[in-house]
Structure formats: structure tokens, C-alpha cells
Amino acid sequence: VGDIRHKGMLMGIELVKDKKKKIPINPKKSINKIFFEAGKKHGIYLRTLGNIVMLVPPLAISEEELDLLLNRTIATIKSAQNQII
């Protein structure tokens, strides 16, 4: 993870090969399907835009549900890590 940006409840998690140099993951490799399948295994659906994982939770989400979403997103990124670099 190179950077995390947010505005309100919208969040973008930038995926990079090298955290210090901020080199994006391989742009030729489509990570959409990889993250969709990995997310399903963790009970969530994730959307990617290039090397950015987008989180767009509903405004009516509870704190417990938000914690669950973030924990499962972290688990998904870790489980997909070897496939996307």
C-alpha cells in the first residue's frame, strides 16, 4: 500500500510495488477480477480503478460494519498480494 486517500466515506487505497518509490503495481495486469474473486472469499465486493482499490460504503453503515469492511479489505489485499505484483 503506497497511500490511502479519503473524502468523507469514500476511500482509495493505492497499491504499489515499492512503497518508498511509489511504483504502481503492474498496469498491464488487470486486478479487477483478482480483487473481485479474493473479496468474495472474504464476504465483500471491491472495486478497482487501475492500481486503486475503492471503498464506497453506505452512509448508514454502523461502526461495527465499517470495522468489518476494513478488516476484510485488509485480508483481501494480503491474500491477493502475490497475484498482483
PDB file of N, CA and C in Angstrom:
ATOM      1  N   VAL A   1       0.859  -1.178   0.000  1.00  0.00           N
ATOM      2  CA  VAL A   1       0.000   0.000   0.000  1.00  0.00           C
ATOM      3  C   VAL A   1       0.899   1.234   0.000  1.00  0.00           C
ATOM      4  N   GLY A   2       0.703   2.082  -1.021  1.00  0.00           N
ATOM      5  CA  GLY A   2       1.517   3.283  -1.133  1.00  0.00           C
ATOM      6  C   GLY A   2       0.887   4.488  -0.470  1.00  0.00           C
ATOM      7  N   ASP A   3      -0.445   4.558  -0.520  1.00  0.00           N
ATOM      8  CA  ASP A   3      -1.133   5.718   0.037  1.00  0.00           C
ATOM      9  C   ASP A   3      -2.599   5.365   0.246  1.00  0.00           C
ATOM     10  N   ILE A   4      -3.220   6.031   1.196  1.00  0.00           N
ATOM     11  CA  ILE A   4      -4.660   5.910   1.426  1.00  0.00           C
ATOM     12  C   ILE A   4      -5.227   7.314   1.417  1.00  0.00           C
ATOM     13  N   ARG A   5      -6.199   7.538   0.533  1.00  0.00           N
ATOM     14  CA  ARG A   5      -6.837   8.853   0.430  1.00  0.00           C
ATOM     15  C   ARG A   5      -8.327   8.692   0.704  1.00  0.00           C
ATOM     16  N   HIS A   6      -8.923   9.735   1.280  1.00  0.00           N
ATOM     17  CA  HIS A   6     -10.360   9.657   1.528  1.00  0.00           C
ATOM     18  C   HIS A   6     -10.986  11.036   1.508  1.00  0.00           C
ATOM     19  N   LYS A   7     -12.254  11.034   1.265  1.00  0.00           N
ATOM     20  CA  LYS A   7     -13.081  12.245   1.349  1.00  0.00           C
ATOM     21  C   LYS A   7     -14.427  11.758   1.875  1.00  0.00           C
ATOM     22  N   GLY A   8     -14.744  12.150   3.097  1.00  0.00           N
ATOM     23  CA  GLY A   8     -15.966  11.634   3.706  1.00  0.00           C
ATOM     24  C   GLY A   8     -15.861  10.125   3.849  1.00  0.00           C
ATOM     25  N   MET A   9     -16.841   9.410   3.318  1.00  0.00           N
ATOM     26  CA  MET A   9     -16.857   7.952   3.406  1.00  0.00           C
ATOM     27  C   MET A   9     -16.204   7.276   2.202  1.00  0.00           C
ATOM     28  N   LEU A  10     -15.767   8.025   1.208  1.00  0.00           N
ATOM     29  CA  LEU A  10     -15.107   7.451   0.038  1.00  0.00           C
ATOM     30  C   LEU A  10     -13.627   7.272   0.337  1.00  0.00           C
ATOM     31  N   MET A  11     -13.085   6.103  -0.024  1.00  0.00           N
ATOM     32  CA  MET A  11     -11.686   5.836   0.271  1.00  0.00           C
ATOM     33  C   MET A  11     -11.022   5.169  -0.921  1.00  0.00           C
ATOM     34  N   GLY A  12      -9.781   5.562  -1.201  1.00  0.00           N
ATOM     35  CA  GLY A  12      -8.972   4.932  -2.231  1.00  0.00           C
ATOM     36  C   GLY A  12      -7.678   4.433  -1.624  1.00  0.00           C
ATOM     37  N   ILE A  13      -7.368   3.164  -1.878  1.00  0.00           N
ATOM     38  CA  ILE A  13      -6.144   2.555  -1.365  1.00  0.00           C
ATOM     39  C   ILE A  13      -5.240   2.287  -2.563  1.00  0.00           C
ATOM     40  N   GLU A  14      -4.114   3.000  -2.623  1.00  0.00           N
ATOM     41  CA  GLU A  14      -3.190   2.877  -3.750  1.00  0.00           C
ATOM     42  C   GLU A  14      -2.267   1.682  -3.534  1.00  0.00           C
ATOM     43  N   LEU A  15      -2.225   0.783  -4.513  1.00  0.00           N
ATOM     44  CA  LEU A  15      -1.374  -0.394  -4.434  1.00  0.00           C
ATOM     45  C   LEU A  15      -0.102  -0.155  -5.243  1.00  0.00           C
ATOM     46  N   VAL A  16       1.042  -0.378  -4.618  1.00  0.00           N
ATOM     47  CA  VAL A  16       2.332  -0.126  -5.261  1.00  0.00           C
ATOM     48  C   VAL A  16       3.263  -1.323  -5.092  1.00  0.00           C
ATOM     49  N   LYS A  17       4.251  -1.418  -5.995  1.00  0.00           N
ATOM     50  CA  LYS A  17       5.289  -2.449  -5.883  1.00  0.00           C
ATOM     51  C   LYS A  17       6.296  -2.071  -4.809  1.00  0.00           C
ATOM     52  N   ASP A  18       6.676  -0.801  -4.807  1.00  0.00           N
ATOM     53  CA  ASP A  18       7.704  -0.291  -3.900  1.00  0.00           C
ATOM     54  C   ASP A  18       7.135   0.904  -3.145  1.00  0.00           C
ATOM     55  N   LYS A  19       6.989   0.747  -1.843  1.00  0.00           N
ATOM     56  CA  LYS A  19       6.356   1.792  -1.031  1.00  0.00           C
ATOM     57  C   LYS A  19       7.160   3.093  -1.018  1.00  0.00           C
ATOM     58  N   LYS A  20       8.482   3.002  -0.981  1.00  0.00           N
ATOM     59  CA  LYS A  20       9.315   4.206  -0.931  1.00  0.00           C
ATOM     60  C   LYS A  20       9.302   4.960  -2.254  1.00  0.00           C
ATOM     61  N   LYS A  21       9.404   4.224  -3.362  1.00  0.00           N
ATOM     62  CA  LYS A  21       9.446   4.852  -4.686  1.00  0.00           C
ATOM     63  C   LYS A  21       8.051   5.090  -5.264  1.00  0.00           C
ATOM     64  N   LYS A  22       7.034   4.503  -4.623  1.00  0.00           N
ATOM     65  CA  LYS A  22       5.633   4.630  -5.066  1.00  0.00           C
ATOM     66  C   LYS A  22       5.434   4.151  -6.507  1.00  0.00           C
ATOM     67  N   ILE A  23       6.113   3.064  -6.866  1.00  0.00           N
ATOM     68  CA  ILE A  23       5.953   2.477  -8.197  1.00  0.00           C
ATOM     69  C   ILE A  23       4.661   1.673  -8.198  1.00  0.00           C
ATOM     70  N   PRO A  24       3.703   2.007  -9.090  1.00  0.00           N
ATOM     71  CA  PRO A  24       2.426   1.279  -9.118  1.00  0.00           C
ATOM     72  C   PRO A  24       2.629  -0.194  -9.455  1.00  0.00           C
ATOM     73  N   ILE A  25       1.672  -1.011  -9.049  1.00  0.00           N
ATOM     74  CA  ILE A  25       1.716  -2.418  -9.430  1.00  0.00           C
ATOM     75  C   ILE A  25       1.612  -2.507 -10.940  1.00  0.00           C
ATOM     76  N   ASN A  26       1.865  -3.675 -11.486  1.00  0.00           N
ATOM     77  CA  ASN A  26       1.893  -3.890 -12.933  1.00  0.00           C
ATOM     78  C   ASN A  26       0.611  -3.395 -13.601  1.00  0.00           C
ATOM     79  N   PRO A  27       0.689  -2.311 -14.387  1.00  0.00           N
ATOM     80  CA  PRO A  27      -0.519  -1.759 -15.009  1.00  0.00           C
ATOM     81  C   PRO A  27      -1.075  -2.627 -16.132  1.00  0.00           C
ATOM     82  N   LYS A  28      -0.260  -3.556 -16.657  1.00  0.00           N
ATOM     83  CA  LYS A  28      -0.728  -4.424 -17.743  1.00  0.00           C
ATOM     84  C   LYS A  28      -1.587  -5.563 -17.213  1.00  0.00           C
ATOM     85  N   LYS A  29      -1.483  -5.833 -15.938  1.00  0.00           N
ATOM     86  CA  LYS A  29      -2.244  -6.920 -15.326  1.00  0.00           C
ATOM     87  C   LYS A  29      -3.547  -6.357 -14.767  1.00  0.00           C
ATOM     88  N   SER A  30      -4.673  -6.927 -15.182  1.00  0.00           N
ATOM     89  CA  SER A  30      -5.968  -6.464 -14.678  1.00  0.00           C
ATOM     90  C   SER A  30      -6.189  -7.013 -13.274  1.00  0.00           C
ATOM     91  N   ILE A  31      -6.329  -6.113 -12.320  1.00  0.00           N
ATOM     92  CA  ILE A  31      -6.530  -6.575 -10.944  1.00  0.00           C
ATOM     93  C   ILE A  31      -8.008  -6.656 -10.577  1.00  0.00           C
ATOM     94  N   ASN A  32      -8.886  -6.197 -11.468  1.00  0.00           N
ATOM     95  CA  ASN A  32     -10.323  -6.220 -11.185  1.00  0.00           C
ATOM     96  C   ASN A  32     -10.808  -7.607 -10.800  1.00  0.00           C
ATOM     97  N   LYS A  33     -10.560  -8.585 -11.659  1.00  0.00           N
ATOM     98  CA  LYS A  33     -11.041  -9.946 -11.410  1.00  0.00           C
ATOM     99  C   LYS A  33     -10.364 -10.553 -10.184  1.00  0.00           C
ATOM    100  N   ILE A  34      -9.071 -10.283 -10.031  1.00  0.00           N
ATOM    101  CA  ILE A  34      -8.335 -10.818  -8.880  1.00  0.00           C
ATOM    102  C   ILE A  34      -8.967 -10.330  -7.575  1.00  0.00           C
ATOM    103  N   PHE A  35      -9.240  -9.027  -7.486  1.00  0.00           N
ATOM    104  CA  PHE A  35      -9.815  -8.476  -6.262  1.00  0.00           C
ATOM    105  C   PHE A  35     -11.275  -8.854  -6.087  1.00  0.00           C
ATOM    106  N   PHE A  36     -11.998  -8.989  -7.180  1.00  0.00           N
ATOM    107  CA  PHE A  36     -13.393  -9.404  -7.072  1.00  0.00           C
ATOM    108  C   PHE A  36     -13.465 -10.801  -6.464  1.00  0.00           C
ATOM    109  N   GLU A  37     -12.659 -11.730  -6.998  1.00  0.00           N
ATOM    110  CA  GLU A  37     -12.668 -13.111  -6.500  1.00  0.00           C
ATOM    111  C   GLU A  37     -12.123 -13.202  -5.075  1.00  0.00           C
ATOM    112  N   ALA A  38     -11.033 -12.499  -4.790  1.00  0.00           N
ATOM    113  CA  ALA A  38     -10.460 -12.525  -3.434  1.00  0.00           C
ATOM    114  C   ALA A  38     -11.425 -11.903  -2.433  1.00  0.00           C
ATOM    115  N   GLY A  39     -12.073 -10.823  -2.820  1.00  0.00           N
ATOM    116  CA  GLY A  39     -13.049 -10.174  -1.943  1.00  0.00           C
ATOM    117  C   GLY A  39     -14.234 -11.071  -1.641  1.00  0.00           C
ATOM    118  N   LYS A  40     -14.709 -11.794  -2.669  1.00  0.00           N
ATOM    119  CA  LYS A  40     -15.838 -12.713  -2.463  1.00  0.00           C
ATOM    120  C   LYS A  40     -15.510 -13.751  -1.399  1.00  0.00           C
ATOM    121  N   LYS A  41     -14.268 -14.234  -1.407  1.00  0.00           N
ATOM    122  CA  LYS A  41     -13.847 -15.231  -0.410  1.00  0.00           C
ATOM    123  C   LYS A  41     -13.890 -14.660   1.006  1.00  0.00           C
ATOM    124  N   HIS A  42     -13.769 -13.340   1.116  1.00  0.00           N
ATOM    125  CA  HIS A  42     -13.811 -12.675   2.422  1.00  0.00           C
ATOM    126  C   HIS A  42     -15.174 -12.037   2.694  1.00  0.00           C
ATOM    127  N   GLY A  43     -16.141 -12.271   1.789  1.00  0.00           N
ATOM    128  CA  GLY A  43     -17.502 -11.782   2.015  1.00  0.00           C
ATOM    129  C   GLY A  43     -17.729 -10.320   1.677  1.00  0.00           C
ATOM    130  N   ILE A  44     -16.875  -9.748   0.809  1.00  0.00           N
ATOM    131  CA  ILE A  44     -17.050  -8.346   0.402  1.00  0.00           C
ATOM    132  C   ILE A  44     -16.852  -8.222  -1.108  1.00  0.00           C
ATOM    133  N   TYR A  45     -17.350  -7.138  -1.669  1.00  0.00           N
ATOM    134  CA  TYR A  45     -17.125  -6.818  -3.077  1.00  0.00           C
ATOM    135  C   TYR A  45     -16.296  -5.546  -3.135  1.00  0.00           C
ATOM    136  N   LEU A  46     -15.192  -5.602  -3.890  1.00  0.00           N
ATOM    137  CA  LEU A  46     -14.312  -4.445  -4.022  1.00  0.00           C
ATOM    138  C   LEU A  46     -14.257  -3.995  -5.471  1.00  0.00           C
ATOM    139  N   ARG A  47     -14.111  -2.697  -5.659  1.00  0.00           N
ATOM    140  CA  ARG A  47     -13.985  -2.123  -7.000  1.00  0.00           C
ATOM    141  C   ARG A  47     -12.591  -1.547  -7.125  1.00  0.00           C
ATOM    142  N   THR A  48     -11.966  -1.793  -8.276  1.00  0.00           N
ATOM    143  CA  THR A  48     -10.642  -1.240  -8.515  1.00  0.00           C
ATOM    144  C   THR A  48     -10.676  -0.288  -9.704  1.00  0.00           C
ATOM    145  N   LEU A  49      -9.822   0.699  -9.652  1.00  0.00           N
ATOM    146  CA  LEU A  49      -9.600   1.634 -10.756  1.00  0.00           C
ATOM    147  C   LEU A  49      -8.093   1.685 -10.961  1.00  0.00           C
ATOM    148  N   GLY A  50      -7.598   0.940 -11.935  1.00  0.00           N
ATOM    149  CA  GLY A  50      -6.150   0.847 -12.120  1.00  0.00           C
ATOM    150  C   GLY A  50      -5.522   0.186 -10.914  1.00  0.00           C
ATOM    151  N   ASN A  51      -4.625   0.895 -10.242  1.00  0.00           N
ATOM    152  CA  ASN A  51      -3.968   0.329  -9.063  1.00  0.00           C
ATOM    153  C   ASN A  51      -4.581   0.844  -7.752  1.00  0.00           C
ATOM    154  N   ILE A  52      -5.816   1.332  -7.830  1.00  0.00           N
ATOM    155  CA  ILE A  52      -6.514   1.865  -6.654  1.00  0.00           C
ATOM    156  C   ILE A  52      -7.690   0.957  -6.294  1.00  0.00           C
ATOM    157  N   VAL A  53      -7.764   0.558  -5.032  1.00  0.00           N
ATOM    158  CA  VAL A  53      -8.928  -0.170  -4.522  1.00  0.00           C
ATOM    159  C   VAL A  53      -9.857   0.870  -3.915  1.00  0.00           C
ATOM    160  N   MET A  54     -11.100   0.896  -4.388  1.00  0.00           N
ATOM    161  CA  MET A  54     -12.074   1.886  -3.933  1.00  0.00           C
ATOM    162  C   MET A  54     -12.997   1.277  -2.881  1.00  0.00           C
ATOM    163  N   LEU A  55     -13.251   2.034  -1.833  1.00  0.00           N
ATOM    164  CA  LEU A  55     -14.247   1.655  -0.831  1.00  0.00           C
ATOM    165  C   LEU A  55     -15.307   2.747  -0.818  1.00  0.00           C
ATOM    166  N   VAL A  56     -16.549   2.341  -1.033  1.00  0.00           N
ATOM    167  CA  VAL A  56     -17.663   3.291  -1.061  1.00  0.00           C
ATOM    168  C   VAL A  56     -18.790   2.710  -0.200  1.00  0.00           C
ATOM    169  N   PRO A  57     -18.630   2.762   1.120  1.00  0.00           N
ATOM    170  CA  PRO A  57     -19.664   2.191   1.992  1.00  0.00           C
ATOM    171  C   PRO A  57     -20.900   3.089   2.039  1.00  0.00           C
ATOM    172  N   PRO A  58     -22.041   2.505   2.382  1.00  0.00           N
ATOM    173  CA  PRO A  58     -23.252   3.324   2.517  1.00  0.00           C
ATOM    174  C   PRO A  58     -23.116   4.297   3.689  1.00  0.00           C
ATOM    175  N   LEU A  59     -23.771   5.421   3.592  1.00  0.00           N
ATOM    176  CA  LEU A  59     -23.704   6.413   4.669  1.00  0.00           C
ATOM    177  C   LEU A  59     -24.316   5.897   5.969  1.00  0.00           C
ATOM    178  N   ALA A  60     -25.221   4.934   5.868  1.00  0.00           N
ATOM    179  CA  ALA A  60     -25.897   4.402   7.055  1.00  0.00           C
ATOM    180  C   ALA A  60     -25.142   3.226   7.681  1.00  0.00           C
ATOM    181  N   ILE A  61     -23.868   3.052   7.361  1.00  0.00           N
ATOM    182  CA  ILE A  61     -23.094   1.933   7.894  1.00  0.00           C
ATOM    183  C   ILE A  61     -22.779   2.182   9.374  1.00  0.00           C
ATOM    184  N   SER A  62     -22.838   1.110  10.162  1.00  0.00           N
ATOM    185  CA  SER A  62     -22.513   1.240  11.588  1.00  0.00           C
ATOM    186  C   SER A  62     -20.999   1.147  11.776  1.00  0.00           C
ATOM    187  N   GLU A  63     -20.538   1.528  12.945  1.00  0.00           N
ATOM    188  CA  GLU A  63     -19.106   1.453  13.237  1.00  0.00           C
ATOM    189  C   GLU A  63     -18.621   0.006  13.191  1.00  0.00           C
ATOM    190  N   GLU A  64     -19.435  -0.926  13.692  1.00  0.00           N
ATOM    191  CA  GLU A  64     -19.076  -2.347  13.656  1.00  0.00           C
ATOM    192  C   GLU A  64     -18.965  -2.840  12.220  1.00  0.00           C
ATOM    193  N   GLU A  65     -19.918  -2.444  11.380  1.00  0.00           N
ATOM    194  CA  GLU A  65     -19.890  -2.854   9.973  1.00  0.00           C
ATOM    195  C   GLU A  65     -18.692  -2.247   9.250  1.00  0.00           C
ATOM    196  N   LEU A  66     -18.350  -1.021   9.583  1.00  0.00           N
ATOM    197  CA  LEU A  66     -17.193  -0.368   8.973  1.00  0.00           C
ATOM    198  C   LEU A  66     -15.902  -1.079   9.380  1.00  0.00           C
ATOM    199  N   ASP A  67     -15.787  -1.455  10.652  1.00  0.00           N
ATOM    200  CA  ASP A  67     -14.626  -2.227  11.113  1.00  0.00           C
ATOM    201  C   ASP A  67     -14.530  -3.549  10.361  1.00  0.00           C
ATOM    202  N   LEU A  68     -15.671  -4.212  10.187  1.00  0.00           N
ATOM    203  CA  LEU A  68     -15.719  -5.478   9.459  1.00  0.00           C
ATOM    204  C   LEU A  68     -15.253  -5.278   8.015  1.00  0.00           C
ATOM    205  N   LEU A  69     -15.760  -4.237   7.354  1.00  0.00           N
ATOM    206  CA  LEU A  69     -15.374  -3.936   5.977  1.00  0.00           C
ATOM    207  C   LEU A  69     -13.870  -3.684   5.872  1.00  0.00           C
ATOM    208  N   LEU A  70     -13.329  -2.878   6.770  1.00  0.00           N
ATOM    209  CA  LEU A  70     -11.901  -2.561   6.718  1.00  0.00           C
ATOM    210  C   LEU A  70     -11.041  -3.784   7.002  1.00  0.00           C
ATOM    211  N   ASN A  71     -11.421  -4.596   7.986  1.00  0.00           N
ATOM    212  CA  ASN A  71     -10.658  -5.808   8.299  1.00  0.00           C
ATOM    213  C   ASN A  71     -10.680  -6.792   7.136  1.00  0.00           C
ATOM    214  N   ARG A  72     -11.834  -6.931   6.498  1.00  0.00           N
ATOM    215  CA  ARG A  72     -11.932  -7.847   5.356  1.00  0.00           C
ATOM    216  C   ARG A  72     -11.209  -7.289   4.128  1.00  0.00           C
ATOM    217  N   THR A  73     -11.181  -5.979   3.985  1.00  0.00           N
ATOM    218  CA  THR A  73     -10.427  -5.368   2.883  1.00  0.00           C
ATOM    219  C   THR A  73      -8.935  -5.621   3.073  1.00  0.00           C
ATOM    220  N   ILE A  74      -8.445  -5.450   4.283  1.00  0.00           N
ATOM    221  CA  ILE A  74      -7.035  -5.719   4.583  1.00  0.00           C
ATOM    222  C   ILE A  74      -6.714  -7.182   4.297  1.00  0.00           C
ATOM    223  N   ALA A  75      -7.577  -8.092   4.733  1.00  0.00           N
ATOM    224  CA  ALA A  75      -7.369  -9.521   4.490  1.00  0.00           C
ATOM    225  C   ALA A  75      -7.369  -9.827   2.994  1.00  0.00           C
ATOM    226  N   THR A  76      -8.241  -9.165   2.245  1.00  0.00           N
ATOM    227  CA  THR A  76      -8.313  -9.371   0.794  1.00  0.00           C
ATOM    228  C   THR A  76      -7.036  -8.894   0.120  1.00  0.00           C
ATOM    229  N   ILE A  77      -6.559  -7.719   0.489  1.00  0.00           N
ATOM    230  CA  ILE A  77      -5.322  -7.191  -0.101  1.00  0.00           C
ATOM    231  C   ILE A  77      -4.156  -8.130   0.203  1.00  0.00           C
ATOM    232  N   LYS A  78      -4.070  -8.606   1.433  1.00  0.00           N
ATOM    233  CA  LYS A  78      -2.988  -9.524   1.802  1.00  0.00           C
ATOM    234  C   LYS A  78      -3.078 -10.828   1.022  1.00  0.00           C
ATOM    235  N   SER A  79      -4.292 -11.360   0.857  1.00  0.00           N
ATOM    236  CA  SER A  79      -4.441 -12.638   0.157  1.00  0.00           C
ATOM    237  C   SER A  79      -4.195 -12.514  -1.345  1.00  0.00           C
ATOM    238  N   ALA A  80      -4.425 -11.333  -1.917  1.00  0.00           N
ATOM    239  CA  ALA A  80      -4.232 -11.128  -3.360  1.00  0.00           C
ATOM    240  C   ALA A  80      -2.840 -10.602  -3.691  1.00  0.00           C
ATOM    241  N   GLN A  81      -2.070 -10.292  -2.692  1.00  0.00           N
ATOM    242  CA  GLN A  81      -0.772  -9.635  -2.864  1.00  0.00           C
ATOM    243  C   GLN A  81       0.141 -10.342  -3.866  1.00  0.00           C
ATOM    244  N   ASN A  82       0.274 -11.657  -3.764  1.00  0.00           N
ATOM    245  CA  ASN A  82       1.191 -12.385  -4.647  1.00  0.00           C
ATOM    246  C   ASN A  82       0.718 -12.412  -6.095  1.00  0.00           C
ATOM    247  N   GLN A  83      -0.576 -12.280  -6.319  1.00  0.00           N
ATOM    248  CA  GLN A  83      -1.119 -12.330  -7.679  1.00  0.00           C
ATOM    249  C   GLN A  83      -0.995 -11.005  -8.418  1.00  0.00           C
ATOM    250  N   ILE A  84      -0.859  -9.907  -7.701  1.00  0.00           N
ATOM    251  CA  ILE A  84      -0.909  -8.598  -8.359  1.00  0.00           C
ATOM    252  C   ILE A  84       0.449  -7.937  -8.555  1.00  0.00           C
ATOM    253  N   ILE A  85       1.469  -8.461  -7.922  1.00  0.00           N
ATOM    254  CA  ILE A  85       2.790  -7.813  -8.041  1.00  0.00           C
ATOM    255  C   ILE A  85       3.563  -8.404  -9.205  1.00  0.00           C
TER     256      ILE A  85
END
